[in-house]
Amino acid sequence: MAVAGRLDLVVVRHGLTAWNRERRYQGHRDIPLAPEAREALDVLRDDLVRFDFDAVCCSDLMRCRQTLELLLGGRQRAAEPRYDARLRELDFGDYEGKRYEELKDLPAYCAWIDSRGEQAPPGGESAAALRQRLEAWLVELFAEFGAKGHRHVLVVTHGGVIRELRRRFEAIDFWEGSVGQGEGRILTFIHQQGDWRCSSSSAVPTPASAPR
């Protein structure tokens, strides 16, 4: 089967959790959504009705599963969601559950911040390890969904994953790639000369000031 020429990845961050509100590192901890997460997710859900998703991928952690249900609950789906641990947040190791105020004076924490995550936190995961698992996921995604001619794929994941995807495909600084809870990016890929290249990136939900 011929490879499709275009693929839109709609990559969104999970909704608000109590630990987000308290500014605690979550990482691989399985934290549920906070009750007030629904307001932002309702806005995102209404924006996503313009897409007819061919496939859905989701981190296997609870906050992403709950987000997906709020976004697509009751909506006809082309396929069952694929829950994938490779879409998890960075593993923050010993820092999970802690806040900046508790860590800021620790030399190891300062070194980790200064390294932009390249140095793994104690008991955790380096940025290189995150990139490696995301690369494996992307290779599989393009090979399968491109061959099937999929046009729109929804991905529900975490802030660190989106930050890394933006650093790679938008060529922006790592610290500039953050998005809020219940927000994300549309990454449009074009298949050219045997490879998938990101041709554009835009925000979801669509900003109120943007033309529709």
N, C-alpha and C. Protein backbone atom coordinates (compact mmCIF):
# COMPACT_ATOMS: atom_id res chain seq x y z
N MET A 1 0.84 -1.19 0.00
CA MET A 1 0.00 0.00 0.00
C MET A 1 0.88 1.24 0.00
N ALA A 2 0.50 2.24 -0.77
CA ALA A 2 1.28 3.46 -0.85
C ALA A 2 1.20 4.24 0.45
N VAL A 3 2.28 4.90 0.80
CA VAL A 3 2.32 5.71 2.01
C VAL A 3 1.58 7.01 1.78
N ALA A 4 0.75 7.40 2.73
CA ALA A 4 -0.01 8.64 2.62
C ALA A 4 0.94 9.83 2.62
N GLY A 5 0.52 10.94 2.04
CA GLY A 5 1.38 12.10 1.93
C GLY A 5 1.33 13.05 3.10
N ARG A 6 0.32 12.95 3.97
CA ARG A 6 0.17 13.89 5.07
C ARG A 6 -0.42 13.20 6.29
N LEU A 7 0.07 13.59 7.46
CA LEU A 7 -0.44 13.04 8.71
C LEU A 7 -0.42 14.14 9.76
N ASP A 8 -1.59 14.38 10.38
CA ASP A 8 -1.70 15.36 11.46
C ASP A 8 -1.71 14.63 12.80
N LEU A 9 -0.72 14.95 13.64
CA LEU A 9 -0.70 14.44 15.01
C LEU A 9 -1.26 15.55 15.92
N VAL A 10 -2.39 15.29 16.54
CA VAL A 10 -2.97 16.23 17.49
C VAL A 10 -2.54 15.76 18.88
N VAL A 11 -1.51 16.40 19.41
CA VAL A 11 -0.86 15.95 20.64
C VAL A 11 -1.30 16.86 21.79
N VAL A 12 -2.00 16.31 22.78
CA VAL A 12 -2.54 17.14 23.86
C VAL A 12 -2.07 16.66 25.22
N ARG A 13 -1.98 17.61 26.14
CA ARG A 13 -1.58 17.31 27.51
C ARG A 13 -2.82 16.98 28.34
N HIS A 14 -2.66 16.08 29.29
CA HIS A 14 -3.75 15.70 30.19
C HIS A 14 -4.28 16.90 30.95
N GLY A 15 -5.43 16.74 31.55
CA GLY A 15 -6.04 17.81 32.33
C GLY A 15 -5.37 18.01 33.69
N LEU A 16 -5.86 19.00 34.41
CA LEU A 16 -5.28 19.41 35.69
C LEU A 16 -5.43 18.31 36.75
N THR A 17 -4.37 18.14 37.55
CA THR A 17 -4.42 17.24 38.71
C THR A 17 -4.14 18.06 39.97
N ALA A 18 -4.38 17.45 41.11
CA ALA A 18 -4.07 18.12 42.38
C ALA A 18 -2.58 18.41 42.48
N TRP A 19 -1.76 17.51 41.98
CA TRP A 19 -0.31 17.71 42.03
C TRP A 19 0.13 18.82 41.07
N ASN A 20 -0.55 18.98 39.93
CA ASN A 20 -0.28 20.15 39.09
C ASN A 20 -0.56 21.43 39.87
N ARG A 21 -1.69 21.46 40.52
CA ARG A 21 -2.10 22.64 41.28
C ARG A 21 -1.10 22.95 42.39
N GLU A 22 -0.57 21.91 43.01
CA GLU A 22 0.40 22.08 44.10
C GLU A 22 1.83 22.19 43.60
N ARG A 23 2.01 22.11 42.28
CA ARG A 23 3.31 22.24 41.62
C ARG A 23 4.28 21.17 42.10
N ARG A 24 3.78 19.93 42.16
CA ARG A 24 4.60 18.78 42.51
C ARG A 24 5.00 18.02 41.24
N TYR A 25 6.20 17.48 41.24
CA TYR A 25 6.62 16.63 40.13
C TYR A 25 5.80 15.34 40.16
N GLN A 26 5.20 14.99 39.03
CA GLN A 26 4.36 13.79 38.97
C GLN A 26 5.10 12.61 38.34
N GLY A 27 5.68 12.83 37.16
CA GLY A 27 6.42 11.76 36.52
C GLY A 27 5.58 10.53 36.27
N HIS A 28 6.03 9.39 36.76
CA HIS A 28 5.34 8.12 36.55
C HIS A 28 4.30 7.83 37.64
N ARG A 29 4.13 8.71 38.60
CA ARG A 29 3.10 8.49 39.62
C ARG A 29 1.72 8.52 38.96
N ASP A 30 0.85 7.62 39.38
CA ASP A 30 -0.46 7.48 38.73
C ASP A 30 -1.49 8.36 39.44
N ILE A 31 -1.46 9.64 39.13
CA ILE A 31 -2.28 10.65 39.81
C ILE A 31 -3.55 10.90 38.99
N PRO A 32 -4.74 10.90 39.61
CA PRO A 32 -5.99 11.15 38.87
C PRO A 32 -6.20 12.64 38.59
N LEU A 33 -7.14 12.94 37.72
CA LEU A 33 -7.50 14.32 37.44
C LEU A 33 -8.19 14.96 38.64
N ALA A 34 -8.02 16.27 38.77
CA ALA A 34 -8.76 17.04 39.77
C ALA A 34 -10.16 17.34 39.23
N PRO A 35 -11.15 17.54 40.11
CA PRO A 35 -12.51 17.84 39.64
C PRO A 35 -12.58 19.04 38.71
N GLU A 36 -11.73 20.05 38.93
CA GLU A 36 -11.79 21.26 38.11
C GLU A 36 -11.12 21.11 36.75
N ALA A 37 -10.60 19.92 36.45
CA ALA A 37 -9.99 19.69 35.14
C ALA A 37 -11.00 19.79 34.01
N ARG A 38 -12.25 19.52 34.30
CA ARG A 38 -13.27 19.40 33.25
C ARG A 38 -13.45 20.69 32.45
N GLU A 39 -13.33 21.85 33.10
CA GLU A 39 -13.60 23.11 32.40
C GLU A 39 -12.69 23.28 31.19
N ALA A 40 -11.38 23.13 31.37
CA ALA A 40 -10.44 23.28 30.25
C ALA A 40 -10.62 22.16 29.24
N LEU A 41 -10.93 20.96 29.70
CA LEU A 41 -11.09 19.84 28.78
C LEU A 41 -12.36 19.97 27.96
N ASP A 42 -13.39 20.61 28.51
CA ASP A 42 -14.59 20.87 27.72
C ASP A 42 -14.28 21.78 26.54
N VAL A 43 -13.44 22.79 26.78
CA VAL A 43 -13.04 23.69 25.70
C VAL A 43 -12.25 22.93 24.64
N LEU A 44 -11.33 22.09 25.08
CA LEU A 44 -10.54 21.30 24.14
C LEU A 44 -11.42 20.33 23.37
N ARG A 45 -12.32 19.67 24.07
CA ARG A 45 -13.23 18.71 23.41
C ARG A 45 -14.02 19.39 22.30
N ASP A 46 -14.55 20.57 22.58
CA ASP A 46 -15.33 21.28 21.57
C ASP A 46 -14.48 21.65 20.36
N ASP A 47 -13.20 21.94 20.60
CA ASP A 47 -12.30 22.29 19.49
C ASP A 47 -11.95 21.06 18.64
N LEU A 48 -11.91 19.90 19.27
CA LEU A 48 -11.48 18.69 18.56
C LEU A 48 -12.58 18.06 17.70
N VAL A 49 -13.81 18.57 17.79
CA VAL A 49 -14.88 17.97 16.99
C VAL A 49 -14.63 18.15 15.49
N ARG A 50 -13.74 19.08 15.12
CA ARG A 50 -13.45 19.29 13.69
C ARG A 50 -12.59 18.17 13.11
N PHE A 51 -12.07 17.29 13.95
CA PHE A 51 -11.22 16.20 13.49
C PHE A 51 -11.97 14.87 13.51
N ASP A 52 -11.79 14.12 12.47
CA ASP A 52 -12.28 12.75 12.40
C ASP A 52 -11.07 11.84 12.60
N PHE A 53 -10.82 11.44 13.83
CA PHE A 53 -9.59 10.72 14.15
C PHE A 53 -9.61 9.29 13.62
N ASP A 54 -8.53 8.94 12.92
CA ASP A 54 -8.37 7.58 12.42
C ASP A 54 -7.83 6.64 13.50
N ALA A 55 -7.09 7.21 14.45
CA ALA A 55 -6.48 6.40 15.50
C ALA A 55 -6.25 7.28 16.72
N VAL A 56 -6.14 6.62 17.89
CA VAL A 56 -5.94 7.32 19.15
C VAL A 56 -4.84 6.60 19.93
N CYS A 57 -3.85 7.38 20.37
CA CYS A 57 -2.78 6.86 21.21
C CYS A 57 -2.81 7.61 22.54
N CYS A 58 -2.45 6.92 23.62
CA CYS A 58 -2.60 7.53 24.95
C CYS A 58 -1.58 6.93 25.91
N SER A 59 -1.00 7.79 26.74
CA SER A 59 -0.20 7.29 27.86
C SER A 59 -1.07 6.36 28.71
N ASP A 60 -0.42 5.37 29.31
CA ASP A 60 -1.19 4.41 30.11
C ASP A 60 -1.49 4.90 31.52
N LEU A 61 -1.03 6.10 31.89
CA LEU A 61 -1.28 6.61 33.24
C LEU A 61 -2.70 7.16 33.37
N MET A 62 -3.23 7.10 34.59
CA MET A 62 -4.63 7.40 34.85
C MET A 62 -5.05 8.79 34.38
N ARG A 63 -4.23 9.79 34.62
CA ARG A 63 -4.63 11.15 34.27
C ARG A 63 -4.82 11.33 32.77
N CYS A 64 -4.09 10.56 31.98
CA CYS A 64 -4.27 10.61 30.52
C CYS A 64 -5.48 9.79 30.10
N ARG A 65 -5.68 8.63 30.70
CA ARG A 65 -6.86 7.83 30.40
C ARG A 65 -8.15 8.60 30.70
N GLN A 66 -8.18 9.26 31.85
CA GLN A 66 -9.36 10.04 32.22
C GLN A 66 -9.56 11.22 31.28
N THR A 67 -8.48 11.85 30.88
CA THR A 67 -8.57 12.94 29.91
C THR A 67 -9.15 12.46 28.60
N LEU A 68 -8.67 11.34 28.11
CA LEU A 68 -9.17 10.79 26.86
C LEU A 68 -10.66 10.52 26.94
N GLU A 69 -11.11 9.97 28.04
CA GLU A 69 -12.53 9.66 28.19
C GLU A 69 -13.37 10.94 28.17
N LEU A 70 -12.89 11.99 28.80
CA LEU A 70 -13.62 13.25 28.79
C LEU A 70 -13.63 13.89 27.41
N LEU A 71 -12.58 13.67 26.64
CA LEU A 71 -12.50 14.25 25.30
C LEU A 71 -13.33 13.50 24.27
N LEU A 72 -13.35 12.17 24.39
CA LEU A 72 -14.00 11.36 23.35
C LEU A 72 -15.15 10.52 23.85
N GLY A 73 -15.49 10.62 25.13
CA GLY A 73 -16.58 9.82 25.66
C GLY A 73 -17.87 10.03 24.89
N GLY A 74 -18.47 8.94 24.43
CA GLY A 74 -19.71 9.02 23.67
C GLY A 74 -19.54 9.32 22.21
N ARG A 75 -18.31 9.58 21.79
CA ARG A 75 -18.04 9.89 20.39
C ARG A 75 -17.66 8.62 19.64
N GLN A 76 -18.15 8.48 18.44
CA GLN A 76 -17.83 7.31 17.63
C GLN A 76 -16.34 7.30 17.32
N ARG A 77 -15.72 6.16 17.49
CA ARG A 77 -14.28 6.05 17.28
C ARG A 77 -13.99 5.07 16.16
N ALA A 78 -12.94 5.40 15.39
CA ALA A 78 -12.54 4.51 14.31
C ALA A 78 -11.81 3.28 14.84
N ALA A 79 -11.18 3.41 15.99
CA ALA A 79 -10.40 2.31 16.56
C ALA A 79 -10.30 2.48 18.06
N GLU A 80 -10.02 1.38 18.74
CA GLU A 80 -9.83 1.45 20.19
C GLU A 80 -8.53 2.18 20.51
N PRO A 81 -8.50 2.95 21.60
CA PRO A 81 -7.27 3.65 21.98
C PRO A 81 -6.13 2.67 22.25
N ARG A 82 -4.95 3.09 21.91
CA ARG A 82 -3.75 2.33 22.21
C ARG A 82 -3.06 2.99 23.40
N TYR A 83 -2.96 2.28 24.51
CA TYR A 83 -2.32 2.80 25.71
C TYR A 83 -0.85 2.36 25.70
N ASP A 84 0.05 3.32 25.81
CA ASP A 84 1.47 3.03 25.57
C ASP A 84 2.31 3.72 26.64
N ALA A 85 3.09 2.93 27.37
CA ALA A 85 3.95 3.47 28.43
C ALA A 85 5.05 4.36 27.88
N ARG A 86 5.35 4.26 26.58
CA ARG A 86 6.38 5.12 26.00
C ARG A 86 5.93 6.57 25.93
N LEU A 87 4.64 6.82 26.10
CA LEU A 87 4.11 8.18 26.09
C LEU A 87 4.01 8.78 27.49
N ARG A 88 4.59 8.11 28.47
CA ARG A 88 4.57 8.63 29.84
C ARG A 88 5.47 9.85 29.98
N GLU A 89 5.21 10.60 31.05
CA GLU A 89 6.06 11.72 31.44
C GLU A 89 7.46 11.19 31.77
N LEU A 90 8.44 12.10 31.79
CA LEU A 90 9.77 11.74 32.27
C LEU A 90 9.66 11.17 33.68
N ASP A 91 10.45 10.15 33.96
CA ASP A 91 10.52 9.58 35.31
C ASP A 91 11.43 10.48 36.15
N PHE A 92 10.83 11.18 37.12
CA PHE A 92 11.60 12.11 37.94
C PHE A 92 12.25 11.45 39.14
N GLY A 93 12.10 10.15 39.29
CA GLY A 93 12.78 9.43 40.34
C GLY A 93 12.48 9.95 41.73
N ASP A 94 13.56 10.27 42.48
CA ASP A 94 13.41 10.71 43.88
C ASP A 94 12.68 12.04 44.01
N TYR A 95 12.52 12.77 42.91
CA TYR A 95 11.87 14.08 42.98
C TYR A 95 10.36 14.01 42.85
N GLU A 96 9.83 12.87 42.52
CA GLU A 96 8.38 12.76 42.34
C GLU A 96 7.66 12.97 43.68
N GLY A 97 6.62 13.79 43.61
CA GLY A 97 5.87 14.15 44.80
C GLY A 97 6.43 15.37 45.52
N LYS A 98 7.59 15.85 45.07
CA LYS A 98 8.23 17.00 45.72
C LYS A 98 7.95 18.29 44.94
N ARG A 99 8.09 19.42 45.61
CA ARG A 99 7.93 20.74 45.01
C ARG A 99 9.30 21.43 44.92
N TYR A 100 9.35 22.42 44.07
CA TYR A 100 10.60 23.15 43.86
C TYR A 100 11.15 23.68 45.18
N GLU A 101 10.27 24.20 46.02
CA GLU A 101 10.71 24.79 47.28
C GLU A 101 11.42 23.77 48.17
N GLU A 102 11.07 22.49 48.02
CA GLU A 102 11.69 21.45 48.81
C GLU A 102 13.03 21.00 48.26
N LEU A 103 13.29 21.32 46.99
CA LEU A 103 14.44 20.77 46.28
C LEU A 103 15.50 21.80 45.91
N LYS A 104 15.13 23.08 45.89
CA LYS A 104 15.95 24.11 45.25
C LYS A 104 17.35 24.25 45.83
N ASP A 105 17.55 23.84 47.07
CA ASP A 105 18.87 23.99 47.70
C ASP A 105 19.72 22.73 47.61
N LEU A 106 19.20 21.69 46.98
CA LEU A 106 19.96 20.44 46.85
C LEU A 106 20.91 20.55 45.67
N PRO A 107 22.22 20.29 45.85
CA PRO A 107 23.17 20.38 44.74
C PRO A 107 22.80 19.49 43.56
N ALA A 108 22.33 18.28 43.83
CA ALA A 108 21.98 17.36 42.73
C ALA A 108 20.80 17.90 41.93
N TYR A 109 19.87 18.52 42.61
CA TYR A 109 18.71 19.09 41.90
C TYR A 109 19.15 20.28 41.04
N CYS A 110 19.98 21.14 41.57
CA CYS A 110 20.47 22.29 40.81
C CYS A 110 21.24 21.82 39.59
N ALA A 111 22.04 20.77 39.74
CA ALA A 111 22.79 20.24 38.61
C ALA A 111 21.86 19.68 37.55
N TRP A 112 20.80 19.04 37.97
CA TRP A 112 19.82 18.49 37.02
C TRP A 112 19.13 19.61 36.25
N ILE A 113 18.71 20.66 36.95
CA ILE A 113 18.08 21.81 36.28
C ILE A 113 19.05 22.45 35.30
N ASP A 114 20.29 22.65 35.73
CA ASP A 114 21.29 23.30 34.87
C ASP A 114 21.58 22.47 33.62
N SER A 115 21.42 21.16 33.72
CA SER A 115 21.69 20.28 32.58
C SER A 115 20.51 20.19 31.62
N ARG A 116 19.40 20.88 31.93
CA ARG A 116 18.16 20.82 31.14
C ARG A 116 17.64 19.38 31.04
N GLY A 117 17.85 18.62 32.11
CA GLY A 117 17.35 17.26 32.16
C GLY A 117 18.24 16.23 31.50
N GLU A 118 19.35 16.67 30.90
CA GLU A 118 20.23 15.69 30.26
C GLU A 118 20.84 14.75 31.29
N GLN A 119 21.06 15.26 32.47
CA GLN A 119 21.54 14.44 33.58
C GLN A 119 20.33 13.86 34.29
N ALA A 120 20.26 12.57 34.44
CA ALA A 120 19.09 11.94 35.07
C ALA A 120 19.00 12.35 36.54
N PRO A 121 17.78 12.61 37.04
CA PRO A 121 17.63 12.85 38.47
C PRO A 121 17.89 11.56 39.24
N PRO A 122 18.20 11.64 40.51
CA PRO A 122 18.45 10.42 41.29
C PRO A 122 17.30 9.42 41.18
N GLY A 123 17.61 8.22 40.74
CA GLY A 123 16.59 7.19 40.60
C GLY A 123 15.65 7.40 39.44
N GLY A 124 15.92 8.37 38.55
CA GLY A 124 15.00 8.71 37.47
C GLY A 124 15.58 8.51 36.08
N GLU A 125 15.07 9.28 35.16
CA GLU A 125 15.31 9.08 33.73
C GLU A 125 15.92 10.33 33.11
N SER A 126 16.89 10.16 32.24
CA SER A 126 17.50 11.28 31.55
C SER A 126 16.66 11.70 30.35
N ALA A 127 16.91 12.91 29.85
CA ALA A 127 16.23 13.37 28.65
C ALA A 127 16.56 12.47 27.46
N ALA A 128 17.79 11.94 27.43
CA ALA A 128 18.18 11.05 26.33
C ALA A 128 17.33 9.79 26.35
N ALA A 129 17.03 9.26 27.53
CA ALA A 129 16.19 8.07 27.63
C ALA A 129 14.77 8.37 27.17
N LEU A 130 14.25 9.56 27.52
CA LEU A 130 12.93 9.96 27.05
C LEU A 130 12.91 10.06 25.53
N ARG A 131 13.93 10.69 24.94
CA ARG A 131 14.01 10.81 23.48
C ARG A 131 14.06 9.44 22.83
N GLN A 132 14.77 8.51 23.43
CA GLN A 132 14.91 7.17 22.85
C GLN A 132 13.57 6.45 22.78
N ARG A 133 12.77 6.52 23.85
CA ARG A 133 11.49 5.82 23.80
C ARG A 133 10.49 6.53 22.88
N LEU A 134 10.57 7.86 22.81
CA LEU A 134 9.70 8.58 21.89
C LEU A 134 10.07 8.30 20.44
N GLU A 135 11.36 8.18 20.17
CA GLU A 135 11.79 7.87 18.81
C GLU A 135 11.27 6.51 18.37
N ALA A 136 11.34 5.52 19.27
CA ALA A 136 10.83 4.18 18.93
C ALA A 136 9.34 4.24 18.65
N TRP A 137 8.61 5.02 19.44
CA TRP A 137 7.17 5.16 19.22
C TRP A 137 6.87 5.85 17.90
N LEU A 138 7.60 6.91 17.57
CA LEU A 138 7.37 7.63 16.32
C LEU A 138 7.66 6.76 15.11
N VAL A 139 8.73 6.00 15.16
CA VAL A 139 9.07 5.13 14.03
C VAL A 139 7.94 4.15 13.75
N GLU A 140 7.40 3.55 14.80
CA GLU A 140 6.28 2.62 14.63
C GLU A 140 5.04 3.33 14.12
N LEU A 141 4.77 4.53 14.67
CA LEU A 141 3.59 5.27 14.27
C LEU A 141 3.61 5.61 12.79
N PHE A 142 4.72 6.17 12.32
CA PHE A 142 4.79 6.55 10.91
C PHE A 142 4.73 5.34 9.99
N ALA A 143 5.37 4.25 10.40
CA ALA A 143 5.38 3.06 9.56
C ALA A 143 3.98 2.48 9.41
N GLU A 144 3.25 2.38 10.51
CA GLU A 144 1.93 1.76 10.47
C GLU A 144 0.85 2.70 9.98
N PHE A 145 0.73 3.85 10.62
CA PHE A 145 -0.37 4.75 10.28
C PHE A 145 -0.17 5.42 8.93
N GLY A 146 1.08 5.66 8.55
CA GLY A 146 1.33 6.19 7.23
C GLY A 146 0.95 5.21 6.14
N ALA A 147 1.30 3.94 6.34
CA ALA A 147 0.96 2.92 5.35
C ALA A 147 -0.55 2.70 5.24
N LYS A 148 -1.25 2.92 6.35
CA LYS A 148 -2.71 2.74 6.32
C LYS A 148 -3.44 3.96 5.77
N GLY A 149 -2.71 5.03 5.51
CA GLY A 149 -3.34 6.23 4.98
C GLY A 149 -4.08 7.04 6.00
N HIS A 150 -3.73 6.90 7.30
CA HIS A 150 -4.38 7.70 8.33
C HIS A 150 -4.03 9.17 8.12
N ARG A 151 -4.99 10.04 8.41
CA ARG A 151 -4.79 11.48 8.24
C ARG A 151 -4.73 12.22 9.57
N HIS A 152 -5.53 11.78 10.55
CA HIS A 152 -5.59 12.49 11.83
C HIS A 152 -5.44 11.48 12.98
N VAL A 153 -4.46 11.70 13.86
CA VAL A 153 -4.20 10.83 14.99
C VAL A 153 -4.18 11.67 16.26
N LEU A 154 -4.99 11.29 17.25
CA LEU A 154 -5.01 11.96 18.55
C LEU A 154 -4.03 11.28 19.48
N VAL A 155 -3.21 12.09 20.17
CA VAL A 155 -2.24 11.58 21.14
C VAL A 155 -2.46 12.32 22.46
N VAL A 156 -2.80 11.58 23.52
CA VAL A 156 -2.98 12.18 24.84
C VAL A 156 -1.77 11.79 25.69
N THR A 157 -1.02 12.79 26.14
CA THR A 157 0.24 12.50 26.80
C THR A 157 0.53 13.54 27.88
N HIS A 158 1.79 13.85 28.11
CA HIS A 158 2.22 14.68 29.24
C HIS A 158 3.03 15.88 28.77
N GLY A 159 3.20 16.84 29.69
CA GLY A 159 3.89 18.07 29.34
C GLY A 159 5.31 17.86 28.86
N GLY A 160 6.06 16.98 29.51
CA GLY A 160 7.44 16.74 29.12
C GLY A 160 7.57 16.11 27.75
N VAL A 161 6.63 15.24 27.41
CA VAL A 161 6.63 14.62 26.09
C VAL A 161 6.38 15.67 25.01
N ILE A 162 5.40 16.53 25.24
CA ILE A 162 5.09 17.57 24.26
C ILE A 162 6.25 18.55 24.14
N ARG A 163 6.87 18.89 25.25
CA ARG A 163 8.02 19.78 25.23
C ARG A 163 9.14 19.20 24.36
N GLU A 164 9.38 17.90 24.51
CA GLU A 164 10.43 17.25 23.71
C GLU A 164 10.06 17.19 22.23
N LEU A 165 8.79 16.90 21.92
CA LEU A 165 8.36 16.89 20.52
C LEU A 165 8.50 18.27 19.89
N ARG A 166 8.17 19.29 20.64
CA ARG A 166 8.30 20.66 20.12
C ARG A 166 9.76 21.05 19.94
N ARG A 167 10.61 20.65 20.86
CA ARG A 167 12.04 20.93 20.72
C ARG A 167 12.57 20.30 19.43
N ARG A 168 12.12 19.09 19.17
CA ARG A 168 12.63 18.39 17.99
C ARG A 168 12.04 18.92 16.69
N PHE A 169 10.72 19.07 16.64
CA PHE A 169 10.09 19.37 15.37
C PHE A 169 9.86 20.86 15.11
N GLU A 170 9.85 21.67 16.16
CA GLU A 170 9.69 23.10 15.97
C GLU A 170 11.01 23.84 16.10
N ALA A 171 12.06 23.12 16.50
CA ALA A 171 13.40 23.71 16.63
C ALA A 171 13.40 24.91 17.58
N ILE A 172 12.72 24.75 18.71
CA ILE A 172 12.70 25.80 19.72
C ILE A 172 13.43 25.31 20.96
N ASP A 173 13.78 26.24 21.83
CA ASP A 173 14.46 25.89 23.06
C ASP A 173 13.57 24.99 23.92
N PHE A 174 14.19 24.05 24.61
CA PHE A 174 13.45 23.09 25.43
C PHE A 174 12.50 23.78 26.40
N TRP A 175 12.95 24.89 27.02
CA TRP A 175 12.15 25.55 28.04
C TRP A 175 10.99 26.34 27.44
N GLU A 176 11.01 26.57 26.13
CA GLU A 176 9.94 27.32 25.48
C GLU A 176 8.79 26.44 25.02
N GLY A 177 8.92 25.13 25.16
CA GLY A 177 7.95 24.22 24.56
C GLY A 177 6.81 23.78 25.46
N SER A 178 6.66 24.43 26.61
CA SER A 178 5.61 23.98 27.53
C SER A 178 4.23 24.38 27.05
N VAL A 179 3.24 23.56 27.39
CA VAL A 179 1.83 23.85 27.13
C VAL A 179 1.06 23.61 28.42
N GLY A 180 -0.09 24.26 28.55
CA GLY A 180 -0.90 24.10 29.75
C GLY A 180 -1.68 22.79 29.76
N GLN A 181 -2.24 22.47 30.93
CA GLN A 181 -3.10 21.28 31.01
C GLN A 181 -4.31 21.47 30.10
N GLY A 182 -4.66 20.42 29.36
CA GLY A 182 -5.79 20.50 28.45
C GLY A 182 -5.49 21.29 27.19
N GLU A 183 -4.21 21.47 26.87
CA GLU A 183 -3.80 22.16 25.66
C GLU A 183 -2.79 21.30 24.91
N GLY A 184 -2.46 21.71 23.69
CA GLY A 184 -1.50 20.92 22.93
C GLY A 184 -1.15 21.56 21.61
N ARG A 185 -0.68 20.72 20.69
CA ARG A 185 -0.23 21.18 19.39
C ARG A 185 -0.73 20.23 18.29
N ILE A 186 -0.95 20.80 17.12
CA ILE A 186 -1.19 20.01 15.91
C ILE A 186 0.12 20.01 15.14
N LEU A 187 0.76 18.85 15.04
CA LEU A 187 1.99 18.70 14.28
C LEU A 187 1.64 18.05 12.95
N THR A 188 1.85 18.77 11.86
CA THR A 188 1.53 18.26 10.53
C THR A 188 2.79 17.75 9.86
N PHE A 189 2.73 16.48 9.43
CA PHE A 189 3.87 15.84 8.79
C PHE A 189 3.56 15.55 7.33
N ILE A 190 4.55 15.80 6.48
CA ILE A 190 4.46 15.53 5.05
C ILE A 190 5.49 14.47 4.70
N HIS A 191 5.07 13.48 3.90
CA HIS A 191 5.99 12.42 3.49
C HIS A 191 6.69 12.85 2.21
N GLN A 192 8.01 13.07 2.32
CA GLN A 192 8.81 13.51 1.18
C GLN A 192 10.12 12.76 1.14
N GLN A 193 10.48 12.29 -0.06
CA GLN A 193 11.77 11.62 -0.27
C GLN A 193 12.01 10.51 0.75
N GLY A 194 10.95 9.74 1.01
CA GLY A 194 11.07 8.57 1.87
C GLY A 194 11.10 8.86 3.36
N ASP A 195 10.79 10.10 3.76
CA ASP A 195 10.86 10.43 5.18
C ASP A 195 9.68 11.34 5.55
N TRP A 196 9.32 11.33 6.84
CA TRP A 196 8.27 12.20 7.35
C TRP A 196 8.90 13.46 7.93
N ARG A 197 8.47 14.62 7.44
CA ARG A 197 9.01 15.89 7.89
C ARG A 197 7.87 16.77 8.42
N CYS A 198 8.14 17.41 9.57
CA CYS A 198 7.13 18.29 10.15
C CYS A 198 7.09 19.60 9.37
N SER A 199 5.93 19.90 8.79
CA SER A 199 5.81 21.09 7.96
C SER A 199 5.19 22.27 8.70
N SER A 200 4.44 21.99 9.79
CA SER A 200 3.83 23.09 10.54
C SER A 200 3.40 22.63 11.91
N SER A 201 3.19 23.59 12.80
CA SER A 201 2.73 23.33 14.15
C SER A 201 1.81 24.46 14.57
N SER A 202 0.69 24.12 15.18
CA SER A 202 -0.25 25.14 15.64
C SER A 202 -0.88 24.69 16.94
N ALA A 203 -1.49 25.63 17.65
CA ALA A 203 -2.01 25.36 18.98
C ALA A 203 -3.41 24.78 18.95
N VAL A 204 -3.70 23.90 19.90
CA VAL A 204 -5.06 23.47 20.22
C VAL A 204 -5.25 23.65 21.73
N PRO A 205 -6.44 24.14 22.16
CA PRO A 205 -7.52 24.65 21.32
C PRO A 205 -7.06 25.86 20.50
N THR A 206 -7.76 26.14 19.41
CA THR A 206 -7.43 27.29 18.61
C THR A 206 -7.57 28.55 19.45
N PRO A 207 -6.53 29.39 19.52
CA PRO A 207 -6.66 30.64 20.30
C PRO A 207 -7.82 31.49 19.81
N ALA A 208 -8.48 32.17 20.72
CA ALA A 208 -9.65 32.97 20.37
C ALA A 208 -9.33 34.03 19.34
N SER A 209 -8.08 34.51 19.33
CA SER A 209 -7.69 35.57 18.41
C SER A 209 -7.32 35.06 17.02
N ALA A 210 -7.18 33.73 16.88
CA ALA A 210 -6.74 33.17 15.61
C ALA A 210 -7.92 33.04 14.65
N PRO A 211 -7.67 33.20 13.33
CA PRO A 211 -8.75 32.99 12.36
C PRO A 211 -9.16 31.54 12.29
N ARG A 212 -10.42 31.28 12.10
CA ARG A 212 -10.92 29.91 12.03
C ARG A 212 -11.36 29.59 10.61
